[in-house]
PDB file of N, CA and C in Angstrom:
ATOM      1  N   MET A   1       1.197  -1.006   0.071  1.00  0.00           N
ATOM      2  CA  MET A   1       0.008   0.024   0.105  1.00  0.00           C
ATOM      3  C   MET A   1       0.869   1.204  -0.320  1.00  0.00           C
ATOM      4  N   GLY A   2       2.140   1.161  -0.400  1.00  0.00           N
ATOM      5  CA  GLY A   2       2.909   2.409  -0.557  1.00  0.00           C
ATOM      6  C   GLY A   2       2.682   3.191  -1.675  1.00  0.00           C
ATOM      7  N   ASN A   3       2.327   3.096  -2.700  1.00  0.00           N
ATOM      8  CA  ASN A   3       2.172   3.419  -3.406  1.00  0.00           C
ATOM      9  C   ASN A   3       0.872   4.906  -3.833  1.00  0.00           C
ATOM     10  N   ILE A   4       0.058   4.450  -2.749  1.00  0.00           N
ATOM     11  CA  ILE A   4      -1.263   5.362  -2.726  1.00  0.00           C
ATOM     12  C   ILE A   4      -0.703   6.953  -2.698  1.00  0.00           C
ATOM     13  N   SER A   5      -1.199   7.245  -3.793  1.00  0.00           N
ATOM     14  CA  SER A   5      -0.870   8.774  -4.340  1.00  0.00           C
ATOM     15  C   SER A   5      -1.526   9.855  -2.847  1.00  0.00           C
ATOM     16  N   TRP A   6      -1.064  10.522  -1.894  1.00  0.00           N
ATOM     17  CA  TRP A   6      -1.629  11.050  -0.625  1.00  0.00           C
ATOM     18  C   TRP A   6      -2.340  12.336  -1.252  1.00  0.00           C
ATOM     19  N   ASP A   7      -1.537  12.610  -2.415  1.00  0.00           N
ATOM     20  CA  ASP A   7      -2.139  14.330  -3.196  1.00  0.00           C
ATOM     21  C   ASP A   7      -3.305  13.881  -3.411  1.00  0.00           C
ATOM     22  N   ILE A   8      -3.950  12.592  -4.205  1.00  0.00           N
ATOM     23  CA  ILE A   8      -5.451  12.692  -4.259  1.00  0.00           C
ATOM     24  C   ILE A   8      -6.023  11.970  -2.921  1.00  0.00           C
ATOM     25  N   VAL A   9      -6.177  11.302  -1.811  1.00  0.00           N
ATOM     26  CA  VAL A   9      -6.350  10.507  -0.848  1.00  0.00           C
ATOM     27  C   VAL A   9      -6.721  11.582  -0.374  1.00  0.00           C
ATOM     28  N   ILE A  10      -6.066  12.282   0.557  1.00  0.00           N
ATOM     29  CA  ILE A  10      -6.400  13.903   1.340  1.00  0.00           C
ATOM     30  C   ILE A  10      -7.454  14.216   0.693  1.00  0.00           C
ATOM     31  N   PRO A  11      -7.935  14.786  -0.444  1.00  0.00           N
ATOM     32  CA  PRO A  11      -8.673  15.631  -0.919  1.00  0.00           C
ATOM     33  C   PRO A  11     -10.159  14.853  -1.228  1.00  0.00           C
ATOM     34  N   LEU A  12      -9.980  13.828  -1.162  1.00  0.00           N
ATOM     35  CA  LEU A  12     -10.571  12.752  -1.264  1.00  0.00           C
ATOM     36  C   LEU A  12     -11.705  12.559  -0.026  1.00  0.00           C
ATOM     37  N   ALA A  13     -10.465  12.414   1.439  1.00  0.00           N
ATOM     38  CA  ALA A  13     -10.672  12.237   1.940  1.00  0.00           C
ATOM     39  C   ALA A  13     -11.626  13.718   2.841  1.00  0.00           C
ATOM     40  N   ILE A  14     -11.617  14.670   2.848  1.00  0.00           N
ATOM     41  CA  ILE A  14     -12.042  15.604   2.674  1.00  0.00           C
ATOM     42  C   ILE A  14     -13.340  16.090   1.955  1.00  0.00           C
ATOM     43  N   ILE A  15     -13.413  15.086   1.001  1.00  0.00           N
ATOM     44  CA  ILE A  15     -14.826  15.543   0.513  1.00  0.00           C
ATOM     45  C   ILE A  15     -15.942  14.587   1.295  1.00  0.00           C
ATOM     46  N   LEU A  16     -15.112  13.235   1.608  1.00  0.00           N
ATOM     47  CA  LEU A  16     -16.318  12.655   2.210  1.00  0.00           C
ATOM     48  C   LEU A  16     -16.411  12.962   3.450  1.00  0.00           C
ATOM     49  N   VAL A  17     -15.787  13.884   4.631  1.00  0.00           N
ATOM     50  CA  VAL A  17     -15.903  14.488   5.567  1.00  0.00           C
ATOM     51  C   VAL A  17     -16.815  15.320   5.544  1.00  0.00           C
ATOM     52  N   PHE A  18     -16.775  16.703   4.774  1.00  0.00           N
ATOM     53  CA  PHE A  18     -17.647  17.657   4.567  1.00  0.00           C
ATOM     54  C   PHE A  18     -19.121  17.077   3.973  1.00  0.00           C
ATOM     55  N   ASN A  19     -19.247  15.588   3.439  1.00  0.00           N
ATOM     56  CA  ASN A  19     -20.459  14.835   2.841  1.00  0.00           C
ATOM     57  C   ASN A  19     -21.215  14.560   4.085  1.00  0.00           C
ATOM     58  N   ILE A  20     -20.441  14.058   4.602  1.00  0.00           N
ATOM     59  CA  ILE A  20     -21.090  13.268   6.417  1.00  0.00           C
ATOM     60  C   ILE A  20     -21.500  14.410   6.709  1.00  0.00           C
ATOM     61  N   SER A  21     -20.742  15.475   6.797  1.00  0.00           N
ATOM     62  CA  SER A  21     -21.378  16.753   7.992  1.00  0.00           C
ATOM     63  C   SER A  21     -22.290  17.308   7.043  1.00  0.00           C
ATOM     64  N   LEU A  22     -22.618  17.220   6.102  1.00  0.00           N
ATOM     65  CA  LEU A  22     -23.581  18.231   5.350  1.00  0.00           C
ATOM     66  C   LEU A  22     -24.620  17.274   5.970  1.00  0.00           C
ATOM     67  N   PHE A  23     -24.353  15.191   5.699  1.00  0.00           N
ATOM     68  CA  PHE A  23     -25.457  14.454   6.472  1.00  0.00           C
ATOM     69  C   PHE A  23     -26.229  14.582   7.392  1.00  0.00           C
ATOM     70  N   ILE A  24     -25.037  15.309   8.310  1.00  0.00           N
ATOM     71  CA  ILE A  24     -25.596  15.548  10.039  1.00  0.00           C
ATOM     72  C   ILE A  24     -26.709  16.375   9.800  1.00  0.00           C
ATOM     73  N   LEU A  25     -25.754  17.568   9.123  1.00  0.00           N
ATOM     74  CA  LEU A  25     -26.585  18.748   9.849  1.00  0.00           C
ATOM     75  C   LEU A  25     -27.887  18.998   8.994  1.00  0.00           C
ATOM     76  N   ILE A  26     -28.051  17.881   8.229  1.00  0.00           N
ATOM     77  CA  ILE A  26     -29.422  17.731   7.313  1.00  0.00           C
ATOM     78  C   ILE A  26     -30.616  16.360   8.391  1.00  0.00           C
ATOM     79  N   ARG A  27     -30.094  15.999   9.380  1.00  0.00           N
ATOM     80  CA  ARG A  27     -30.351  15.167   9.947  1.00  0.00           C
ATOM     81  C   ARG A  27     -30.785  15.997  10.936  1.00  0.00           C
ATOM     82  N   VAL A  28     -30.277  16.803  11.520  1.00  0.00           N
ATOM     83  CA  VAL A  28     -30.412  17.385  12.690  1.00  0.00           C
ATOM     84  C   VAL A  28     -31.008  19.580  12.760  1.00  0.00           C
ATOM     85  N   LYS A  29     -31.672  19.052  11.271  1.00  0.00           N
ATOM     86  CA  LYS A  29     -32.377  19.419  10.482  1.00  0.00           C
ATOM     87  C   LYS A  29     -31.602  21.140  11.396  1.00  0.00           C
ATOM     88  N   VAL A  30     -30.254  21.362  10.797  1.00  0.00           N
ATOM     89  CA  VAL A  30     -29.662  22.778  11.504  1.00  0.00           C
ATOM     90  C   VAL A  30     -29.559  23.470   9.632  1.00  0.00           C
ATOM     91  N   ILE A  31     -29.896  22.332   8.408  1.00  0.00           N
ATOM     92  CA  ILE A  31     -29.896  22.953   6.936  1.00  0.00           C
ATOM     93  C   ILE A  31     -31.496  23.719   6.803  1.00  0.00           C
ATOM     94  N   GLN A  32     -32.601  23.060   7.651  1.00  0.00           N
ATOM     95  CA  GLN A  32     -33.399  23.536   7.262  1.00  0.00           C
ATOM     96  C   GLN A  32     -33.609  25.224   8.409  1.00  0.00           C
ATOM     97  N   ARG A  33     -33.082  25.190   9.045  1.00  0.00           N
ATOM     98  CA  ARG A  33     -33.760  26.303  10.083  1.00  0.00           C
ATOM     99  C   ARG A  33     -32.715  27.745   9.351  1.00  0.00           C
ATOM    100  N   MET A  34     -32.199  27.016   8.711  1.00  0.00           N
ATOM    101  CA  MET A  34     -30.665  28.285   7.883  1.00  0.00           C
ATOM    102  C   MET A  34     -31.679  28.211   6.909  1.00  0.00           C
ATOM    103  N   LYS A  35     -32.601  27.850   6.247  1.00  0.00           N
ATOM    104  CA  LYS A  35     -33.305  28.038   5.360  1.00  0.00           C
ATOM    105  C   LYS A  35     -32.471  27.886   3.576  1.00  0.00           C
ATOM    106  N   LEU A  36     -31.749  26.980   3.859  1.00  0.00           N
ATOM    107  CA  LEU A  36     -30.740  26.117   2.999  1.00  0.00           C
ATOM    108  C   LEU A  36     -31.482  25.426   2.158  1.00  0.00           C
ATOM    109  N   THR A  37     -32.145  25.001   2.349  1.00  0.00           N
ATOM    110  CA  THR A  37     -32.740  23.338   1.462  1.00  0.00           C
ATOM    111  C   THR A  37     -33.063  23.738  -0.057  1.00  0.00           C
ATOM    112  N   LYS A  38     -33.613  24.947   0.093  1.00  0.00           N
ATOM    113  CA  LYS A  38     -33.619  25.515  -1.100  1.00  0.00           C
ATOM    114  C   LYS A  38     -32.124  25.037  -2.467  1.00  0.00           C
ATOM    115  N   ASN A  39     -30.628  25.624  -1.591  1.00  0.00           N
ATOM    116  CA  ASN A  39     -30.255  25.943  -2.408  1.00  0.00           C
ATOM    117  C   ASN A  39     -28.758  24.566  -1.654  1.00  0.00           C
ATOM    118  N   LEU A  40     -29.616  23.168  -1.498  1.00  0.00           N
ATOM    119  CA  LEU A  40     -28.676  22.282  -0.953  1.00  0.00           C
ATOM    120  C   LEU A  40     -27.689  21.254  -2.022  1.00  0.00           C
ATOM    121  N   ILE A  41     -28.121  21.734  -3.241  1.00  0.00           N
ATOM    122  CA  ILE A  41     -27.323  21.328  -4.577  1.00  0.00           C
ATOM    123  C   ILE A  41     -26.106  22.433  -4.344  1.00  0.00           C
ATOM    124  N   THR A  42     -26.107  23.547  -4.563  1.00  0.00           N
ATOM    125  CA  THR A  42     -25.422  24.641  -4.521  1.00  0.00           C
ATOM    126  C   THR A  42     -24.464  24.703  -3.281  1.00  0.00           C
ATOM    127  N   VAL A  43     -24.800  24.490  -1.998  1.00  0.00           N
ATOM    128  CA  VAL A  43     -24.025  23.872  -0.811  1.00  0.00           C
ATOM    129  C   VAL A  43     -23.384  22.587  -1.436  1.00  0.00           C
ATOM    130  N   MET A  44     -23.861  21.260  -1.634  1.00  0.00           N
ATOM    131  CA  MET A  44     -23.117  20.075  -2.210  1.00  0.00           C
ATOM    132  C   MET A  44     -22.394  20.264  -3.166  1.00  0.00           C
ATOM    133  N   LEU A  45     -22.378  21.712  -4.137  1.00  0.00           N
ATOM    134  CA  LEU A  45     -21.419  21.453  -5.001  1.00  0.00           C
ATOM    135  C   LEU A  45     -20.382  22.002  -4.731  1.00  0.00           C
ATOM    136  N   VAL A  46     -20.633  23.181  -3.700  1.00  0.00           N
ATOM    137  CA  VAL A  46     -19.246  24.095  -3.161  1.00  0.00           C
ATOM    138  C   VAL A  46     -18.750  23.171  -2.085  1.00  0.00           C
ATOM    139  N   VAL A  47     -18.892  22.470  -0.955  1.00  0.00           N
ATOM    140  CA  VAL A  47     -18.386  21.549  -0.467  1.00  0.00           C
ATOM    141  C   VAL A  47     -17.601  20.171  -1.319  1.00  0.00           C
ATOM    142  N   THR A  48     -17.802  19.973  -2.426  1.00  0.00           N
ATOM    143  CA  THR A  48     -16.996  18.926  -3.488  1.00  0.00           C
ATOM    144  C   THR A  48     -16.347  19.409  -4.487  1.00  0.00           C
ATOM    145  N   LEU A  49     -16.700  20.725  -4.890  1.00  0.00           N
ATOM    146  CA  LEU A  49     -15.561  21.139  -5.864  1.00  0.00           C
ATOM    147  C   LEU A  49     -14.097  21.749  -5.255  1.00  0.00           C
ATOM    148  N   VAL A  50     -14.531  22.233  -4.030  1.00  0.00           N
ATOM    149  CA  VAL A  50     -12.695  22.458  -3.148  1.00  0.00           C
ATOM    150  C   VAL A  50     -12.308  21.553  -3.136  1.00  0.00           C
ATOM    151  N   PRO A  51     -12.303  20.514  -2.620  1.00  0.00           N
ATOM    152  CA  PRO A  51     -11.119  19.316  -2.577  1.00  0.00           C
ATOM    153  C   PRO A  51     -10.806  19.032  -4.214  1.00  0.00           C
ATOM    154  N   ILE A  52     -11.495  18.869  -5.122  1.00  0.00           N
ATOM    155  CA  ILE A  52     -11.940  18.298  -6.339  1.00  0.00           C
ATOM    156  C   ILE A  52     -10.235  19.753  -7.145  1.00  0.00           C
ATOM    157  N   LEU A  53     -10.424  21.158  -6.985  1.00  0.00           N
ATOM    158  CA  LEU A  53      -9.885  21.863  -7.249  1.00  0.00           C
ATOM    159  C   LEU A  53      -8.241  21.569  -6.481  1.00  0.00           C
ATOM    160  N   CYS A  54      -8.727  21.207  -5.081  1.00  0.00           N
ATOM    161  CA  CYS A  54      -6.668  21.172  -4.460  1.00  0.00           C
ATOM    162  C   CYS A  54      -6.527  19.917  -5.385  1.00  0.00           C
ATOM    163  N   ILE A  55      -7.214  18.598  -5.329  1.00  0.00           N
ATOM    164  CA  ILE A  55      -6.940  17.495  -6.356  1.00  0.00           C
ATOM    165  C   ILE A  55      -5.985  18.252  -7.468  1.00  0.00           C
ATOM    166  N   VAL A  56      -6.604  18.814  -8.381  1.00  0.00           N
ATOM    167  CA  VAL A  56      -6.409  19.381  -9.331  1.00  0.00           C
ATOM    168  C   VAL A  56      -4.723  20.026  -9.608  1.00  0.00           C
ATOM    169  N   PHE A  57      -4.563  21.307  -8.489  1.00  0.00           N
ATOM    170  CA  PHE A  57      -3.630  21.769  -7.956  1.00  0.00           C
ATOM    171  C   PHE A  57      -2.958  21.530  -7.695  1.00  0.00           C
ATOM    172  N   THR A  58      -2.765  20.336  -7.198  1.00  0.00           N
ATOM    173  CA  THR A  58      -1.902  19.790  -6.501  1.00  0.00           C
ATOM    174  C   THR A  58      -1.161  18.718  -7.648  1.00  0.00           C
ATOM    175  N   ASN A  59      -1.652  18.469  -8.091  1.00  0.00           N
ATOM    176  CA  ASN A  59      -1.369  17.181  -9.459  1.00  0.00           C
ATOM    177  C   ASN A  59      -0.786  17.891 -10.411  1.00  0.00           C
ATOM    178  N   GLU A  60      -0.923  19.025 -11.178  1.00  0.00           N
ATOM    179  CA  GLU A  60      -0.964  19.791 -12.013  1.00  0.00           C
ATOM    180  C   GLU A  60       0.959  19.910 -11.334  1.00  0.00           C
ATOM    181  N   ARG A  61       0.696  20.832 -10.001  1.00  0.00           N
ATOM    182  CA  ARG A  61       2.656  21.059  -9.822  1.00  0.00           C
ATOM    183  C   ARG A  61       3.013  19.854 -10.109  1.00  0.00           C
ATOM    184  N   LYS A  62       2.858  18.776  -9.547  1.00  0.00           N
ATOM    185  CA  LYS A  62       3.274  17.294  -9.483  1.00  0.00           C
ATOM    186  C   LYS A  62       4.062  16.771 -10.764  1.00  0.00           C
ATOM    187  N   THR A  63       2.779  17.533 -11.456  1.00  0.00           N
ATOM    188  CA  THR A  63       3.304  16.848 -12.904  1.00  0.00           C
ATOM    189  C   THR A  63       4.115  17.828 -13.466  1.00  0.00           C
ATOM    190  N   SER A  64       4.068  19.409 -13.222  1.00  0.00           N
ATOM    191  CA  SER A  64       4.958  19.950 -13.799  1.00  0.00           C
ATOM    192  C   SER A  64       6.122  20.099 -13.097  1.00  0.00           C
ATOM    193  N   ALA A  65       7.134  19.325 -11.966  1.00  0.00           N
ATOM    194  CA  ALA A  65       8.058  19.360 -11.176  1.00  0.00           C
ATOM    195  C   ALA A  65       8.540  18.086 -12.335  1.00  0.00           C
ATOM    196  N   ILE A  66       7.393  16.858 -12.104  1.00  0.00           N
ATOM    197  CA  ILE A  66       8.642  15.731 -12.547  1.00  0.00           C
ATOM    198  C   ILE A  66       8.807  15.859 -14.531  1.00  0.00           C
ATOM    199  N   ILE A  67       7.916  16.410 -15.054  1.00  0.00           N
ATOM    200  CA  ILE A  67       8.012  17.190 -16.335  1.00  0.00           C
ATOM    201  C   ILE A  67       9.206  17.564 -16.310  1.00  0.00           C
ATOM    202  N   PHE A  68      10.004  19.057 -15.070  1.00  0.00           N
ATOM    203  CA  PHE A  68      10.772  19.528 -15.325  1.00  0.00           C
ATOM    204  C   PHE A  68      11.918  19.227 -14.844  1.00  0.00           C
ATOM    205  N   ASN A  69      12.211  18.148 -14.024  1.00  0.00           N
ATOM    206  CA  ASN A  69      12.867  16.673 -13.908  1.00  0.00           C
ATOM    207  C   ASN A  69      13.267  15.670 -14.778  1.00  0.00           C
ATOM    208  N   GLU A  70      12.549  15.947 -15.797  1.00  0.00           N
ATOM    209  CA  GLU A  70      12.981  15.154 -17.081  1.00  0.00           C
ATOM    210  C   GLU A  70      13.743  15.985 -17.908  1.00  0.00           C
ATOM    211  N   GLU A  71      13.416  17.071 -17.858  1.00  0.00           N
ATOM    212  CA  GLU A  71      13.654  17.449 -19.055  1.00  0.00           C
ATOM    213  C   GLU A  71      15.289  17.901 -18.672  1.00  0.00           C
ATOM    214  N   CYS A  72      15.661  18.001 -17.799  1.00  0.00           N
ATOM    215  CA  CYS A  72      16.674  18.676 -16.777  1.00  0.00           C
ATOM    216  C   CYS A  72      17.978  17.603 -16.823  1.00  0.00           C
ATOM    217  N   GLU A  73      17.454  16.118 -16.653  1.00  0.00           N
ATOM    218  CA  GLU A  73      18.356  15.202 -17.550  1.00  0.00           C
ATOM    219  C   GLU A  73      18.664  14.717 -18.686  1.00  0.00           C
ATOM    220  N   LYS A  74      17.640  15.255 -19.228  1.00  0.00           N
ATOM    221  CA  LYS A  74      17.922  14.777 -20.499  1.00  0.00           C
ATOM    222  C   LYS A  74      18.500  16.131 -21.428  1.00  0.00           C
ATOM    223  N   LEU A  75      18.622  17.027 -20.456  1.00  0.00           N
ATOM    224  CA  LEU A  75      19.786  18.258 -21.021  1.00  0.00           C
ATOM    225  C   LEU A  75      20.979  17.807 -20.582  1.00  0.00           C
ATOM    226  N   GLU A  76      20.870  17.193 -19.519  1.00  0.00           N
ATOM    227  CA  GLU A  76      22.104  16.885 -18.934  1.00  0.00           C
ATOM    228  C   GLU A  76      23.090  15.711 -19.913  1.00  0.00           C
ATOM    229  N   SER A  77      22.291  14.772 -20.459  1.00  0.00           N
ATOM    230  CA  SER A  77      22.512  13.656 -20.918  1.00  0.00           C
ATOM    231  C   SER A  77      23.498  14.162 -22.059  1.00  0.00           C
ATOM    232  N   VAL A  78      22.916  15.068 -22.829  1.00  0.00           N
ATOM    233  CA  VAL A  78      23.134  16.047 -24.288  1.00  0.00           C
ATOM    234  C   VAL A  78      24.112  16.593 -23.931  1.00  0.00           C
ATOM    235  N   GLY A  79      24.674  17.439 -22.583  1.00  0.00           N
ATOM    236  CA  GLY A  79      25.693  17.904 -22.486  1.00  0.00           C
ATOM    237  C   GLY A  79      26.565  16.834 -22.534  1.00  0.00           C
ATOM    238  N   ASN A  80      26.934  15.741 -21.823  1.00  0.00           N
ATOM    239  CA  ASN A  80      27.603  14.913 -21.692  1.00  0.00           C
ATOM    240  C   ASN A  80      27.946  14.334 -22.872  1.00  0.00           C
ATOM    241  N   THR A  81      26.843  14.205 -23.373  1.00  0.00           N
ATOM    242  CA  THR A  81      27.473  13.709 -24.628  1.00  0.00           C
ATOM    243  C   THR A  81      28.071  14.396 -25.483  1.00  0.00           C
ATOM    244  N   ARG A  82      27.821  15.523 -25.527  1.00  0.00           N
ATOM    245  CA  ARG A  82      28.803  16.332 -25.892  1.00  0.00           C
ATOM    246  C   ARG A  82      29.821  16.578 -25.554  1.00  0.00           C
ATOM    247  N   ALA A  83      30.121  16.895 -24.451  1.00  0.00           N
ATOM    248  CA  ALA A  83      31.690  16.550 -23.824  1.00  0.00           C
ATOM    249  C   ALA A  83      32.441  15.872 -23.914  1.00  0.00           C
ATOM    250  N   MET A  84      31.641  14.324 -24.377  1.00  0.00           N
ATOM    251  CA  MET A  84      32.637  13.536 -24.822  1.00  0.00           C
ATOM    252  C   MET A  84      32.780  13.664 -25.852  1.00  0.00           C
ATOM    253  N   PHE A  85      32.408  14.125 -26.870  1.00  0.00           N
ATOM    254  CA  PHE A  85      32.475  14.208 -28.623  1.00  0.00           C
ATOM    255  C   PHE A  85      33.394  14.904 -28.173  1.00  0.00           C
ATOM    256  N   LEU A  86      33.087  15.930 -27.883  1.00  0.00           N
ATOM    257  CA  LEU A  86      34.399  16.933 -27.550  1.00  0.00           C
ATOM    258  C   LEU A  86      35.661  16.674 -27.368  1.00  0.00           C
ATOM    259  N   SER A  87      35.792  15.862 -26.531  1.00  0.00           N
ATOM    260  CA  SER A  87      36.607  15.688 -25.789  1.00  0.00           C
ATOM    261  C   SER A  87      37.735  14.570 -26.717  1.00  0.00           C
ATOM    262  N   GLN A  88      37.077  13.531 -26.947  1.00  0.00           N
ATOM    263  CA  GLN A  88      37.468  12.850 -28.533  1.00  0.00           C
ATOM    264  C   GLN A  88      37.889  13.290 -28.988  1.00  0.00           C
ATOM    265  N   GLN A  89      37.554  14.965 -30.104  1.00  0.00           N
ATOM    266  CA  GLN A  89      37.831  15.187 -30.751  1.00  0.00           C
ATOM    267  C   GLN A  89      39.418  15.991 -30.934  1.00  0.00           C
ATOM    268  N   LEU A  90      38.884  16.343 -29.222  1.00  0.00           N
ATOM    269  CA  LEU A  90      40.416  17.274 -28.845  1.00  0.00           C
ATOM    270  C   LEU A  90      41.466  16.482 -28.836  1.00  0.00           C
ATOM    271  N   GLU A  91      41.499  15.325 -28.583  1.00  0.00           N
ATOM    272  CA  GLU A  91      42.207  14.207 -28.215  1.00  0.00           C
ATOM    273  C   GLU A  91      42.800  13.684 -29.682  1.00  0.00           C
ATOM    274  N   ASP A  92      41.604  13.645 -30.859  1.00  0.00           N
ATOM    275  CA  ASP A  92      42.158  12.914 -32.042  1.00  0.00           C
ATOM    276  C   ASP A  92      43.409  14.431 -32.510  1.00  0.00           C
ATOM    277  N   ALA A  93      42.756  15.352 -32.125  1.00  0.00           N
ATOM    278  CA  ALA A  93      43.529  16.738 -32.928  1.00  0.00           C
ATOM    279  C   ALA A  93      44.851  16.897 -32.123  1.00  0.00           C
ATOM    280  N   MET A  94      44.953  16.658 -30.568  1.00  0.00           N
ATOM    281  CA  MET A  94      45.960  16.279 -30.079  1.00  0.00           C
ATOM    282  C   MET A  94      47.145  15.647 -30.955  1.00  0.00           C
ATOM    283  N   ALA A  95      46.498  14.409 -31.382  1.00  0.00           N
ATOM    284  CA  ALA A  95      47.527  13.272 -31.510  1.00  0.00           C
ATOM    285  C   ALA A  95      47.687  13.566 -32.937  1.00  0.00           C
ATOM    286  N   ASP A  96      47.114  14.187 -33.866  1.00  0.00           N
ATOM    287  CA  ASP A  96      47.451  14.367 -34.653  1.00  0.00           C
ATOM    288  C   ASP A  96      48.187  15.425 -35.293  1.00  0.00           C
ATOM    289  N   ALA A  97      48.771  16.568 -34.290  1.00  0.00           N
ATOM    290  CA  ALA A  97      49.555  17.546 -34.170  1.00  0.00           C
ATOM    291  C   ALA A  97      50.695  16.731 -33.652  1.00  0.00           C
ATOM    292  N   GLU A  98      50.941  15.831 -32.984  1.00  0.00           N
ATOM    293  CA  GLU A  98      51.848  15.396 -32.157  1.00  0.00           C
ATOM    294  C   GLU A  98      52.724  14.815 -33.461  1.00  0.00           C
ATOM    295  N   SER A  99      51.815  14.188 -34.628  1.00  0.00           N
ATOM    296  CA  SER A  99      51.680  13.349 -34.997  1.00  0.00           C
ATOM    297  C   SER A  99      52.640  14.155 -36.318  1.00  0.00           C
ATOM    298  N   ILE A 100      52.446  14.869 -36.460  1.00  0.00           N
ATOM    299  CA  ILE A 100      53.021  16.268 -37.884  1.00  0.00           C
ATOM    300  C   ILE A 100      53.967  16.966 -37.362  1.00  0.00           C
ATOM    301  N   ALA A 101      54.292  17.100 -35.982  1.00  0.00           N
ATOM    302  CA  ALA A 101      55.356  17.972 -35.371  1.00  0.00           C
ATOM    303  C   ALA A 101      56.290  16.611 -35.481  1.00  0.00           C
TER     304      ALA A 101
END
């Protein structure tokens, strides 16, 4: 169970807690006293959308970081390849210069 992405689990747990608390408020008739019965769908949408937006935000940041790291690794490997190529070219040039001299 070590592969669980806590960036997704935590906001989903928040959605669950909000929905349970909303259900409890309905059962206790707090929402009826607050005259929110007409706006119950709006309340549930707001309560559910906040954690979903948190999921989207954290996953976007994580994805950006992963892409950035992959591009940095690609650039490093290209740099290392070019350095090896230039090193080989310099060694060949030095060997040619020594043989001419």
